[in-house]
Amino acid sequence: MKPGIQDEVEGTLHKLKGKVKEKVGEVTNDPDLEDEGQAEEIAGKVQEKVGQVKKVLGK
């Protein structure tokens, strides 16, 4: 798999995992888990964008 596509896929997975953690944190009233989920979701978005840039640049 090309690095750009791999970054996009991994970024999407991190976003989903972050959303799940965030929701579980809300349901269980655990602000730390909620914050961790938000951070992971943001990191996933960044990784996804990096993958898109790599695809455009052909790397």
PDB file of N, CA and C in Angstrom:
ATOM      1  N   MET A   1       0.849  -1.170   0.000  1.00  0.00           N
ATOM      2  CA  MET A   1       0.000   0.000   0.000  1.00  0.00           C
ATOM      3  C   MET A   1       0.899   1.238   0.000  1.00  0.00           C
ATOM      4  N   LYS A   2       0.525   2.223  -0.790  1.00  0.00           N
ATOM      5  CA  LYS A   2       1.313   3.447  -0.874  1.00  0.00           C
ATOM      6  C   LYS A   2       1.240   4.202   0.450  1.00  0.00           C
ATOM      7  N   PRO A   3       2.333   4.890   0.815  1.00  0.00           N
ATOM      8  CA  PRO A   3       2.364   5.594   2.101  1.00  0.00           C
ATOM      9  C   PRO A   3       1.229   6.607   2.291  1.00  0.00           C
ATOM     10  N   GLY A   4       0.867   7.326   1.248  1.00  0.00           N
ATOM     11  CA  GLY A   4      -0.204   8.316   1.365  1.00  0.00           C
ATOM     12  C   GLY A   4      -1.536   7.671   1.703  1.00  0.00           C
ATOM     13  N   ILE A   5      -1.824   6.574   1.037  1.00  0.00           N
ATOM     14  CA  ILE A   5      -3.084   5.869   1.283  1.00  0.00           C
ATOM     15  C   ILE A   5      -3.063   5.246   2.676  1.00  0.00           C
ATOM     16  N   GLN A   6      -1.915   4.704   3.056  1.00  0.00           N
ATOM     17  CA  GLN A   6      -1.785   4.089   4.377  1.00  0.00           C
ATOM     18  C   GLN A   6      -2.013   5.131   5.475  1.00  0.00           C
ATOM     19  N   ASP A   7      -1.447   6.326   5.313  1.00  0.00           N
ATOM     20  CA  ASP A   7      -1.651   7.391   6.294  1.00  0.00           C
ATOM     21  C   ASP A   7      -3.122   7.770   6.381  1.00  0.00           C
ATOM     22  N   GLU A   8      -3.790   7.841   5.238  1.00  0.00           N
ATOM     23  CA  GLU A   8      -5.214   8.181   5.245  1.00  0.00           C
ATOM     24  C   GLU A   8      -6.031   7.132   5.992  1.00  0.00           C
ATOM     25  N   VAL A   9      -5.755   5.870   5.723  1.00  0.00           N
ATOM     26  CA  VAL A   9      -6.494   4.781   6.366  1.00  0.00           C
ATOM     27  C   VAL A   9      -6.233   4.787   7.874  1.00  0.00           C
ATOM     28  N   GLU A  10      -4.970   4.901   8.264  1.00  0.00           N
ATOM     29  CA  GLU A  10      -4.642   4.923   9.681  1.00  0.00           C
ATOM     30  C   GLU A  10      -5.256   6.147  10.360  1.00  0.00           C
ATOM     31  N   GLY A  11      -5.258   7.276   9.674  1.00  0.00           N
ATOM     32  CA  GLY A  11      -5.871   8.480  10.225  1.00  0.00           C
ATOM     33  C   GLY A  11      -7.358   8.303  10.450  1.00  0.00           C
ATOM     34  N   THR A  12      -8.025   7.669   9.504  1.00  0.00           N
ATOM     35  CA  THR A  12      -9.459   7.406   9.640  1.00  0.00           C
ATOM     36  C   THR A  12      -9.726   6.487  10.831  1.00  0.00           C
ATOM     37  N   LEU A  13      -8.886   5.472  10.993  1.00  0.00           N
ATOM     38  CA  LEU A  13      -9.051   4.562  12.125  1.00  0.00           C
ATOM     39  C   LEU A  13      -8.851   5.286  13.453  1.00  0.00           C
ATOM     40  N   HIS A  14      -7.854   6.174  13.510  1.00  0.00           N
ATOM     41  CA  HIS A  14      -7.631   6.944  14.737  1.00  0.00           C
ATOM     42  C   HIS A  14      -8.815   7.865  15.033  1.00  0.00           C
ATOM     43  N   LYS A  15      -9.368   8.451  13.988  1.00  0.00           N
ATOM     44  CA  LYS A  15     -10.539   9.319  14.191  1.00  0.00           C
ATOM     45  C   LYS A  15     -11.698   8.527  14.777  1.00  0.00           C
ATOM     46  N   LEU A  16     -11.962   7.349  14.217  1.00  0.00           N
ATOM     47  CA  LEU A  16     -13.062   6.526  14.705  1.00  0.00           C
ATOM     48  C   LEU A  16     -12.823   6.079  16.144  1.00  0.00           C
ATOM     49  N   LYS A  17     -11.603   5.656  16.415  1.00  0.00           N
ATOM     50  CA  LYS A  17     -11.258   5.223  17.760  1.00  0.00           C
ATOM     51  C   LYS A  17     -11.412   6.380  18.754  1.00  0.00           C
ATOM     52  N   GLY A  18     -11.016   7.563  18.327  1.00  0.00           N
ATOM     53  CA  GLY A  18     -11.149   8.742  19.172  1.00  0.00           C
ATOM     54  C   GLY A  18     -12.603   9.073  19.451  1.00  0.00           C
ATOM     55  N   LYS A  19     -13.458   8.962  18.438  1.00  0.00           N
ATOM     56  CA  LYS A  19     -14.885   9.234  18.629  1.00  0.00           C
ATOM     57  C   LYS A  19     -15.498   8.248  19.613  1.00  0.00           C
ATOM     58  N   VAL A  20     -15.097   6.978  19.505  1.00  0.00           N
ATOM     59  CA  VAL A  20     -15.618   5.959  20.425  1.00  0.00           C
ATOM     60  C   VAL A  20     -15.189   6.279  21.853  1.00  0.00           C
ATOM     61  N   LYS A  21     -13.905   6.589  22.032  1.00  0.00           N
ATOM     62  CA  LYS A  21     -13.412   6.925  23.376  1.00  0.00           C
ATOM     63  C   LYS A  21     -14.145   8.136  23.938  1.00  0.00           C
ATOM     64  N   GLU A  22     -14.359   9.128  23.085  1.00  0.00           N
ATOM     65  CA  GLU A  22     -15.044  10.338  23.518  1.00  0.00           C
ATOM     66  C   GLU A  22     -16.462  10.024  23.992  1.00  0.00           C
ATOM     67  N   LYS A  23     -17.184   9.212  23.223  1.00  0.00           N
ATOM     68  CA  LYS A  23     -18.562   8.858  23.587  1.00  0.00           C
ATOM     69  C   LYS A  23     -18.600   8.012  24.866  1.00  0.00           C
ATOM     70  N   VAL A  24     -17.664   7.066  24.988  1.00  0.00           N
ATOM     71  CA  VAL A  24     -17.615   6.243  26.198  1.00  0.00           C
ATOM     72  C   VAL A  24     -17.315   7.134  27.407  1.00  0.00           C
ATOM     73  N   GLY A  25     -16.426   8.090  27.232  1.00  0.00           N
ATOM     74  CA  GLY A  25     -16.116   9.034  28.301  1.00  0.00           C
ATOM     75  C   GLY A  25     -17.329   9.852  28.710  1.00  0.00           C
ATOM     76  N   GLU A  26     -18.141  10.250  27.724  1.00  0.00           N
ATOM     77  CA  GLU A  26     -19.372  10.996  28.028  1.00  0.00           C
ATOM     78  C   GLU A  26     -20.351  10.123  28.809  1.00  0.00           C
ATOM     79  N   VAL A  27     -20.551   8.895  28.351  1.00  0.00           N
ATOM     80  CA  VAL A  27     -21.519   7.993  28.972  1.00  0.00           C
ATOM     81  C   VAL A  27     -21.096   7.617  30.389  1.00  0.00           C
ATOM     82  N   THR A  28     -19.806   7.360  30.573  1.00  0.00           N
ATOM     83  CA  THR A  28     -19.325   6.942  31.887  1.00  0.00           C
ATOM     84  C   THR A  28     -18.936   8.118  32.768  1.00  0.00           C
ATOM     85  N   ASN A  29     -19.135   9.321  32.275  1.00  0.00           N
ATOM     86  CA  ASN A  29     -18.805  10.545  33.003  1.00  0.00           C
ATOM     87  C   ASN A  29     -17.317  10.558  33.389  1.00  0.00           C
ATOM     88  N   ASP A  30     -16.469  10.220  32.411  1.00  0.00           N
ATOM     89  CA  ASP A  30     -15.015  10.185  32.600  1.00  0.00           C
ATOM     90  C   ASP A  30     -14.391  11.253  31.705  1.00  0.00           C
ATOM     91  N   PRO A  31     -14.141  12.451  32.250  1.00  0.00           N
ATOM     92  CA  PRO A  31     -13.615  13.540  31.419  1.00  0.00           C
ATOM     93  C   PRO A  31     -12.226  13.246  30.848  1.00  0.00           C
ATOM     94  N   ASP A  32     -11.422  12.457  31.566  1.00  0.00           N
ATOM     95  CA  ASP A  32     -10.083  12.123  31.050  1.00  0.00           C
ATOM     96  C   ASP A  32     -10.179  11.295  29.769  1.00  0.00           C
ATOM     97  N   LEU A  33     -11.058  10.305  29.778  1.00  0.00           N
ATOM     98  CA  LEU A  33     -11.239   9.464  28.595  1.00  0.00           C
ATOM     99  C   LEU A  33     -11.841  10.286  27.455  1.00  0.00           C
ATOM    100  N   GLU A  34     -12.730  11.173  27.793  1.00  0.00           N
ATOM    101  CA  GLU A  34     -13.343  12.046  26.788  1.00  0.00           C
ATOM    102  C   GLU A  34     -12.279  12.926  26.124  1.00  0.00           C
ATOM    103  N   ASP A  35     -11.397  13.500  26.955  1.00  0.00           N
ATOM    104  CA  ASP A  35     -10.310  14.335  26.424  1.00  0.00           C
ATOM    105  C   ASP A  35      -9.336  13.517  25.580  1.00  0.00           C
ATOM    106  N   GLU A  36      -9.048  12.308  26.038  1.00  0.00           N
ATOM    107  CA  GLU A  36      -8.149  11.425  25.290  1.00  0.00           C
ATOM    108  C   GLU A  36      -8.747  11.104  23.918  1.00  0.00           C
ATOM    109  N   GLY A  37     -10.048  10.876  23.880  1.00  0.00           N
ATOM    110  CA  GLY A  37     -10.723  10.602  22.616  1.00  0.00           C
ATOM    111  C   GLY A  37     -10.673  11.782  21.673  1.00  0.00           C
ATOM    112  N   GLN A  38     -10.871  12.979  22.218  1.00  0.00           N
ATOM    113  CA  GLN A  38     -10.816  14.179  21.385  1.00  0.00           C
ATOM    114  C   GLN A  38      -9.418  14.370  20.807  1.00  0.00           C
ATOM    115  N   ALA A  39      -8.397  14.131  21.633  1.00  0.00           N
ATOM    116  CA  ALA A  39      -7.014  14.282  21.167  1.00  0.00           C
ATOM    117  C   ALA A  39      -6.698  13.265  20.073  1.00  0.00           C
ATOM    118  N   GLU A  40      -7.168  12.034  20.257  1.00  0.00           N
ATOM    119  CA  GLU A  40      -6.898  10.999  19.256  1.00  0.00           C
ATOM    120  C   GLU A  40      -7.631  11.308  17.950  1.00  0.00           C
ATOM    121  N   GLU A  41      -8.817  11.858  18.063  1.00  0.00           N
ATOM    122  CA  GLU A  41      -9.579  12.223  16.868  1.00  0.00           C
ATOM    123  C   GLU A  41      -8.855  13.318  16.079  1.00  0.00           C
ATOM    124  N   ILE A  42      -8.318  14.291  16.783  1.00  0.00           N
ATOM    125  CA  ILE A  42      -7.577  15.375  16.127  1.00  0.00           C
ATOM    126  C   ILE A  42      -6.312  14.823  15.470  1.00  0.00           C
ATOM    127  N   ALA A  43      -5.606  13.938  16.177  1.00  0.00           N
ATOM    128  CA  ALA A  43      -4.400  13.330  15.608  1.00  0.00           C
ATOM    129  C   ALA A  43      -4.743  12.538  14.348  1.00  0.00           C
ATOM    130  N   GLY A  44      -5.886  11.877  14.349  1.00  0.00           N
ATOM    131  CA  GLY A  44      -6.326  11.136  13.175  1.00  0.00           C
ATOM    132  C   GLY A  44      -6.601  12.040  11.996  1.00  0.00           C
ATOM    133  N   LYS A  45      -7.215  13.191  12.277  1.00  0.00           N
ATOM    134  CA  LYS A  45      -7.488  14.152  11.205  1.00  0.00           C
ATOM    135  C   LYS A  45      -6.187  14.652  10.591  1.00  0.00           C
ATOM    136  N   VAL A  46      -5.204  14.927  11.446  1.00  0.00           N
ATOM    137  CA  VAL A  46      -3.905  15.407  10.951  1.00  0.00           C
ATOM    138  C   VAL A  46      -3.241  14.331  10.090  1.00  0.00           C
ATOM    139  N   GLN A  47      -3.241  13.088  10.575  1.00  0.00           N
ATOM    140  CA  GLN A  47      -2.620  12.001   9.821  1.00  0.00           C
ATOM    141  C   GLN A  47      -3.326  11.791   8.480  1.00  0.00           C
ATOM    142  N   GLU A  48      -4.632  11.935   8.483  1.00  0.00           N
ATOM    143  CA  GLU A  48      -5.399  11.799   7.244  1.00  0.00           C
ATOM    144  C   GLU A  48      -4.988  12.877   6.238  1.00  0.00           C
ATOM    145  N   LYS A  49      -4.819  14.102   6.710  1.00  0.00           N
ATOM    146  CA  LYS A  49      -4.409  15.204   5.826  1.00  0.00           C
ATOM    147  C   LYS A  49      -3.000  14.985   5.291  1.00  0.00           C
ATOM    148  N   VAL A  50      -2.120  14.457   6.150  1.00  0.00           N
ATOM    149  CA  VAL A  50      -0.758  14.158   5.706  1.00  0.00           C
ATOM    150  C   VAL A  50      -0.806  13.142   4.560  1.00  0.00           C
ATOM    151  N   GLY A  51      -1.655  12.139   4.697  1.00  0.00           N
ATOM    152  CA  GLY A  51      -1.806  11.144   3.641  1.00  0.00           C
ATOM    153  C   GLY A  51      -2.310  11.751   2.343  1.00  0.00           C
ATOM    154  N   GLN A  52      -3.244  12.694   2.460  1.00  0.00           N
ATOM    155  CA  GLN A  52      -3.765  13.355   1.268  1.00  0.00           C
ATOM    156  C   GLN A  52      -2.685  14.169   0.574  1.00  0.00           C
ATOM    157  N   VAL A  53      -1.866  14.858   1.367  1.00  0.00           N
ATOM    158  CA  VAL A  53      -0.775  15.662   0.798  1.00  0.00           C
ATOM    159  C   VAL A  53       0.235  14.747   0.105  1.00  0.00           C
ATOM    160  N   LYS A  54       0.558  13.615   0.749  1.00  0.00           N
ATOM    161  CA  LYS A  54       1.508  12.676   0.137  1.00  0.00           C
ATOM    162  C   LYS A  54       0.977  12.158  -1.194  1.00  0.00           C
ATOM    163  N   LYS A  55      -0.331  11.890  -1.265  1.00  0.00           N
ATOM    164  CA  LYS A  55      -0.897  11.415  -2.522  1.00  0.00           C
ATOM    165  C   LYS A  55      -0.774  12.462  -3.609  1.00  0.00           C
ATOM    166  N   VAL A  56      -1.027  13.718  -3.254  1.00  0.00           N
ATOM    167  CA  VAL A  56      -0.946  14.794  -4.228  1.00  0.00           C
ATOM    168  C   VAL A  56       0.493  14.979  -4.715  1.00  0.00           C
ATOM    169  N   LEU A  57       1.436  14.871  -3.784  1.00  0.00           N
ATOM    170  CA  LEU A  57       2.849  15.047  -4.147  1.00  0.00           C
ATOM    171  C   LEU A  57       3.445  13.801  -4.775  1.00  0.00           C
ATOM    172  N   GLY A  58       2.740  12.708  -4.728  1.00  0.00           N
ATOM    173  CA  GLY A  58       3.205  11.478  -5.341  1.00  0.00           C
ATOM    174  C   GLY A  58       4.253  10.743  -4.529  1.00  0.00           C
ATOM    175  N   LYS A  59       4.204  10.891  -3.221  1.00  0.00           N
ATOM    176  CA  LYS A  59       5.198  10.209  -2.359  1.00  0.00           C
ATOM    177  C   LYS A  59       4.607   9.005  -1.727  1.00  0.00           C
TER     178      LYS A  59
END
